[in-house]
Amino acid sequence: MLEHPLKGRWAADAQTLANRFGRHWSDWFTFLSQPEVDPDNNDAERGLRPVVIHRKVTSGARSDWGAQLVAMMFSFLESMRRQGENAVDRLFELIASSGCSPPALLPG
């Protein structure tokens, strides 16, 4: 259908969609030629879920600075989870390498 479209016989919106498929085929259907690419965005949706729950429970950040801090925090935590690293250990390493003293951990 995309290689031999029926010009003038499709509804305008169907023709627009067919044209868009033709232009973006390699972008939208990468998963067909590269099996390591998932055909859906479920991982992204699962990654956002904790952020959405946090926003709903806390009624969101009260300032732009707070919103940016929460976004960076969740991004960092999700990155550490995906890389299989301990987020607390990595955060302490980053703080220590910055020249600042990390806070002392409470026993427990």
N, C-alpha and C. Protein backbone atom coordinates (compact mmCIF):
# COMPACT_ATOMS: atom_id res chain seq x y z
N MET A 1 0.82 -1.18 0.00
CA MET A 1 0.00 0.00 0.00
C MET A 1 0.86 1.25 0.00
N LEU A 2 1.98 1.23 0.80
CA LEU A 2 2.81 2.42 0.86
C LEU A 2 3.65 2.59 -0.40
N GLU A 3 4.07 1.48 -1.00
CA GLU A 3 4.88 1.57 -2.21
C GLU A 3 4.07 1.97 -3.43
N HIS A 4 2.79 1.61 -3.46
CA HIS A 4 1.92 1.93 -4.59
C HIS A 4 0.60 2.51 -4.08
N PRO A 5 0.67 3.73 -3.53
CA PRO A 5 -0.56 4.31 -2.96
C PRO A 5 -1.58 4.61 -4.05
N LEU A 6 -2.81 4.54 -3.67
CA LEU A 6 -3.91 4.82 -4.59
C LEU A 6 -4.18 6.32 -4.57
N LYS A 7 -3.47 7.06 -5.36
CA LYS A 7 -3.59 8.52 -5.39
C LYS A 7 -5.02 8.92 -5.71
N GLY A 8 -5.54 9.82 -4.91
CA GLY A 8 -6.87 10.34 -5.16
C GLY A 8 -7.99 9.45 -4.69
N ARG A 9 -7.69 8.23 -4.24
CA ARG A 9 -8.77 7.32 -3.83
C ARG A 9 -8.84 7.17 -2.32
N TRP A 10 -7.84 7.67 -1.61
CA TRP A 10 -7.86 7.62 -0.15
C TRP A 10 -8.40 8.94 0.38
N ALA A 11 -8.97 8.88 1.55
CA ALA A 11 -9.37 10.12 2.23
C ALA A 11 -8.10 10.93 2.50
N ALA A 12 -8.23 12.23 2.59
CA ALA A 12 -7.06 13.11 2.75
C ALA A 12 -6.24 12.74 3.99
N ASP A 13 -6.91 12.44 5.11
CA ASP A 13 -6.15 12.10 6.31
C ASP A 13 -5.44 10.76 6.18
N ALA A 14 -6.02 9.82 5.47
CA ALA A 14 -5.36 8.53 5.23
C ALA A 14 -4.15 8.73 4.33
N GLN A 15 -4.26 9.59 3.33
CA GLN A 15 -3.12 9.87 2.45
C GLN A 15 -2.00 10.56 3.23
N THR A 16 -2.36 11.48 4.12
CA THR A 16 -1.37 12.15 4.96
C THR A 16 -0.64 11.14 5.83
N LEU A 17 -1.38 10.21 6.42
CA LEU A 17 -0.77 9.18 7.25
C LEU A 17 0.14 8.28 6.42
N ALA A 18 -0.28 7.88 5.24
CA ALA A 18 0.55 7.06 4.36
C ALA A 18 1.83 7.79 3.99
N ASN A 19 1.73 9.08 3.70
CA ASN A 19 2.92 9.87 3.37
C ASN A 19 3.87 9.94 4.56
N ARG A 20 3.31 10.12 5.76
CA ARG A 20 4.13 10.19 6.97
C ARG A 20 4.83 8.87 7.23
N PHE A 21 4.12 7.75 7.05
CA PHE A 21 4.77 6.44 7.19
C PHE A 21 5.94 6.31 6.22
N GLY A 22 5.73 6.74 5.00
CA GLY A 22 6.80 6.66 4.00
C GLY A 22 8.02 7.47 4.38
N ARG A 23 7.80 8.67 4.90
CA ARG A 23 8.92 9.55 5.27
C ARG A 23 9.65 9.06 6.51
N HIS A 24 8.93 8.49 7.46
CA HIS A 24 9.53 8.15 8.76
C HIS A 24 9.62 6.65 9.02
N TRP A 25 9.54 5.85 7.99
CA TRP A 25 9.53 4.40 8.15
C TRP A 25 10.71 3.91 8.98
N SER A 26 11.92 4.36 8.64
CA SER A 26 13.11 3.87 9.35
C SER A 26 13.15 4.33 10.81
N ASP A 27 12.51 5.47 11.12
CA ASP A 27 12.48 5.95 12.51
C ASP A 27 11.46 5.19 13.34
N TRP A 28 10.29 4.96 12.79
CA TRP A 28 9.21 4.35 13.55
C TRP A 28 9.31 2.85 13.65
N PHE A 29 9.96 2.22 12.69
CA PHE A 29 9.97 0.76 12.65
C PHE A 29 11.38 0.18 12.78
N THR A 30 12.23 0.88 13.52
CA THR A 30 13.60 0.43 13.77
C THR A 30 13.60 -0.97 14.37
N PHE A 31 12.62 -1.26 15.22
CA PHE A 31 12.57 -2.55 15.92
C PHE A 31 12.44 -3.73 14.95
N LEU A 32 11.99 -3.49 13.72
CA LEU A 32 11.87 -4.58 12.75
C LEU A 32 13.23 -5.06 12.25
N SER A 33 14.19 -4.15 12.15
CA SER A 33 15.52 -4.53 11.65
C SER A 33 16.55 -4.68 12.76
N GLN A 34 16.24 -4.18 13.96
CA GLN A 34 17.17 -4.28 15.08
C GLN A 34 16.44 -4.88 16.28
N PRO A 35 16.61 -6.19 16.48
CA PRO A 35 15.84 -6.88 17.53
C PRO A 35 16.09 -6.36 18.95
N GLU A 36 17.21 -5.70 19.20
CA GLU A 36 17.49 -5.20 20.54
C GLU A 36 16.65 -3.97 20.89
N VAL A 37 15.98 -3.39 19.89
CA VAL A 37 15.12 -2.23 20.12
C VAL A 37 13.70 -2.72 20.38
N ASP A 38 13.14 -2.27 21.50
CA ASP A 38 11.77 -2.65 21.85
C ASP A 38 10.76 -1.94 20.96
N PRO A 39 9.66 -2.58 20.62
CA PRO A 39 8.65 -1.94 19.77
C PRO A 39 7.74 -0.98 20.54
N ASP A 40 7.90 -0.89 21.85
CA ASP A 40 7.04 -0.01 22.64
C ASP A 40 7.90 0.86 23.55
N ASN A 41 7.27 1.72 24.30
CA ASN A 41 8.00 2.59 25.22
C ASN A 41 7.68 2.24 26.68
N ASN A 42 7.42 0.97 26.95
CA ASN A 42 7.06 0.56 28.30
C ASN A 42 8.15 0.86 29.31
N ASP A 43 9.42 0.72 28.93
CA ASP A 43 10.51 1.04 29.86
C ASP A 43 10.46 2.51 30.27
N ALA A 44 10.23 3.37 29.29
CA ALA A 44 10.13 4.81 29.59
C ALA A 44 8.94 5.09 30.50
N GLU A 45 7.82 4.44 30.23
CA GLU A 45 6.63 4.62 31.06
C GLU A 45 6.88 4.15 32.48
N ARG A 46 7.54 3.00 32.63
CA ARG A 46 7.85 2.49 33.97
C ARG A 46 8.84 3.40 34.68
N GLY A 47 9.76 3.99 33.94
CA GLY A 47 10.72 4.91 34.53
C GLY A 47 10.06 6.18 35.05
N LEU A 48 8.98 6.61 34.40
CA LEU A 48 8.28 7.83 34.82
C LEU A 48 7.30 7.61 35.97
N ARG A 49 6.88 6.38 36.15
CA ARG A 49 5.84 6.10 37.15
C ARG A 49 6.20 6.62 38.55
N PRO A 50 7.42 6.39 39.08
CA PRO A 50 7.73 6.91 40.42
C PRO A 50 7.65 8.44 40.49
N VAL A 51 8.01 9.11 39.41
CA VAL A 51 7.95 10.57 39.39
C VAL A 51 6.50 11.04 39.47
N VAL A 52 5.63 10.39 38.72
CA VAL A 52 4.21 10.76 38.72
C VAL A 52 3.60 10.50 40.08
N ILE A 53 3.91 9.37 40.69
CA ILE A 53 3.38 9.05 42.02
C ILE A 53 3.88 10.07 43.04
N HIS A 54 5.17 10.41 42.97
CA HIS A 54 5.73 11.41 43.88
C HIS A 54 5.00 12.74 43.73
N ARG A 55 4.78 13.16 42.49
CA ARG A 55 4.09 14.42 42.24
C ARG A 55 2.66 14.40 42.81
N LYS A 56 1.97 13.28 42.64
CA LYS A 56 0.59 13.19 43.13
C LYS A 56 0.54 13.18 44.66
N VAL A 57 1.45 12.46 45.29
CA VAL A 57 1.45 12.34 46.74
C VAL A 57 1.85 13.66 47.40
N THR A 58 2.82 14.37 46.80
CA THR A 58 3.34 15.59 47.42
C THR A 58 2.71 16.86 46.87
N SER A 59 1.81 16.72 45.91
CA SER A 59 1.20 17.86 45.21
C SER A 59 2.23 18.64 44.40
N GLY A 60 3.33 18.02 44.07
CA GLY A 60 4.33 18.63 43.19
C GLY A 60 5.27 19.57 43.91
N ALA A 61 6.26 20.04 43.17
CA ALA A 61 7.23 20.98 43.72
C ALA A 61 6.58 22.36 43.82
N ARG A 62 7.02 23.13 44.76
CA ARG A 62 6.41 24.45 44.98
C ARG A 62 7.17 25.57 44.25
N SER A 63 8.26 25.21 43.58
CA SER A 63 9.04 26.22 42.87
C SER A 63 9.69 25.58 41.65
N ASP A 64 10.16 26.39 40.74
CA ASP A 64 10.89 25.87 39.58
C ASP A 64 12.16 25.16 40.02
N TRP A 65 12.84 25.74 41.02
CA TRP A 65 14.07 25.13 41.52
C TRP A 65 13.76 23.74 42.10
N GLY A 66 12.68 23.64 42.86
CA GLY A 66 12.29 22.35 43.45
C GLY A 66 11.93 21.34 42.38
N ALA A 67 11.24 21.78 41.33
CA ALA A 67 10.87 20.87 40.24
C ALA A 67 12.12 20.36 39.53
N GLN A 68 13.09 21.25 39.33
CA GLN A 68 14.33 20.84 38.68
C GLN A 68 15.11 19.86 39.55
N LEU A 69 15.13 20.12 40.85
CA LEU A 69 15.83 19.22 41.78
C LEU A 69 15.20 17.83 41.78
N VAL A 70 13.87 17.78 41.84
CA VAL A 70 13.17 16.49 41.83
C VAL A 70 13.44 15.76 40.51
N ALA A 71 13.41 16.47 39.40
CA ALA A 71 13.67 15.85 38.09
C ALA A 71 15.08 15.29 38.04
N MET A 72 16.06 16.05 38.53
CA MET A 72 17.46 15.56 38.53
C MET A 72 17.61 14.36 39.46
N MET A 73 16.95 14.39 40.60
CA MET A 73 17.04 13.29 41.56
C MET A 73 16.49 12.00 40.96
N PHE A 74 15.29 12.08 40.38
CA PHE A 74 14.70 10.89 39.81
C PHE A 74 15.49 10.40 38.60
N SER A 75 16.04 11.31 37.82
CA SER A 75 16.87 10.92 36.67
C SER A 75 18.11 10.17 37.14
N PHE A 76 18.75 10.70 38.18
CA PHE A 76 19.93 10.06 38.75
C PHE A 76 19.59 8.67 39.29
N LEU A 77 18.50 8.57 40.05
CA LEU A 77 18.13 7.28 40.64
C LEU A 77 17.80 6.25 39.56
N GLU A 78 17.08 6.65 38.52
CA GLU A 78 16.74 5.73 37.45
C GLU A 78 17.98 5.31 36.66
N SER A 79 18.91 6.25 36.45
CA SER A 79 20.16 5.91 35.76
C SER A 79 20.96 4.89 36.55
N MET A 80 21.03 5.08 37.86
CA MET A 80 21.77 4.14 38.71
C MET A 80 21.11 2.77 38.69
N ARG A 81 19.77 2.75 38.73
CA ARG A 81 19.05 1.48 38.70
C ARG A 81 19.34 0.74 37.40
N ARG A 82 19.28 1.45 36.28
CA ARG A 82 19.52 0.82 34.98
C ARG A 82 20.95 0.33 34.82
N GLN A 83 21.89 1.03 35.46
CA GLN A 83 23.29 0.63 35.36
C GLN A 83 23.67 -0.40 36.42
N GLY A 84 22.73 -0.75 37.28
CA GLY A 84 22.99 -1.74 38.31
C GLY A 84 23.92 -1.24 39.41
N GLU A 85 23.96 0.06 39.62
CA GLU A 85 24.84 0.63 40.64
C GLU A 85 24.04 1.03 41.87
N ASN A 86 24.73 1.11 43.01
CA ASN A 86 24.11 1.55 44.24
C ASN A 86 24.07 3.08 44.23
N ALA A 87 22.89 3.65 44.23
CA ALA A 87 22.74 5.10 44.11
C ALA A 87 23.38 5.85 45.27
N VAL A 88 23.23 5.34 46.49
CA VAL A 88 23.80 6.03 47.66
C VAL A 88 25.32 6.02 47.57
N ASP A 89 25.92 4.87 47.26
CA ASP A 89 27.38 4.79 47.15
C ASP A 89 27.89 5.74 46.07
N ARG A 90 27.21 5.73 44.93
CA ARG A 90 27.63 6.58 43.81
C ARG A 90 27.48 8.05 44.16
N LEU A 91 26.42 8.41 44.87
CA LEU A 91 26.23 9.80 45.28
C LEU A 91 27.34 10.24 46.23
N PHE A 92 27.71 9.37 47.17
CA PHE A 92 28.81 9.70 48.08
C PHE A 92 30.12 9.88 47.30
N GLU A 93 30.36 9.03 46.31
CA GLU A 93 31.57 9.18 45.47
C GLU A 93 31.57 10.52 44.76
N LEU A 94 30.43 10.89 44.21
CA LEU A 94 30.34 12.16 43.48
C LEU A 94 30.55 13.35 44.40
N ILE A 95 29.97 13.29 45.60
CA ILE A 95 30.14 14.39 46.56
C ILE A 95 31.59 14.47 46.98
N ALA A 96 32.20 13.32 47.28
CA ALA A 96 33.59 13.30 47.73
C ALA A 96 34.52 13.82 46.63
N SER A 97 34.26 13.46 45.39
CA SER A 97 35.13 13.91 44.29
C SER A 97 34.95 15.39 43.98
N SER A 98 33.87 16.00 44.49
CA SER A 98 33.63 17.42 44.26
C SER A 98 34.40 18.30 45.24
N GLY A 99 35.00 17.67 46.26
CA GLY A 99 35.73 18.43 47.27
C GLY A 99 34.90 18.74 48.49
N CYS A 100 33.62 18.41 48.46
CA CYS A 100 32.74 18.61 49.61
C CYS A 100 32.77 17.36 50.48
N SER A 101 32.46 17.54 51.73
CA SER A 101 32.39 16.38 52.63
C SER A 101 30.99 15.82 52.61
N PRO A 102 30.86 14.51 52.34
CA PRO A 102 29.52 13.92 52.37
C PRO A 102 29.03 13.86 53.82
N PRO A 103 27.72 13.91 54.01
CA PRO A 103 27.19 13.81 55.37
C PRO A 103 27.48 12.43 55.96
N ALA A 104 27.61 12.38 57.28
CA ALA A 104 27.87 11.11 57.94
C ALA A 104 26.59 10.29 57.96
N LEU A 105 26.75 8.99 57.74
CA LEU A 105 25.61 8.08 57.81
C LEU A 105 25.31 7.74 59.26
N LEU A 106 24.03 7.67 59.58
CA LEU A 106 23.64 7.25 60.92
C LEU A 106 23.77 5.75 61.06
N PRO A 107 24.20 5.26 62.21
CA PRO A 107 24.29 3.79 62.36
C PRO A 107 22.90 3.18 62.29
N GLY A 108 22.89 1.98 61.71
CA GLY A 108 21.60 1.40 61.75
C GLY A 108 21.25 0.42 60.80
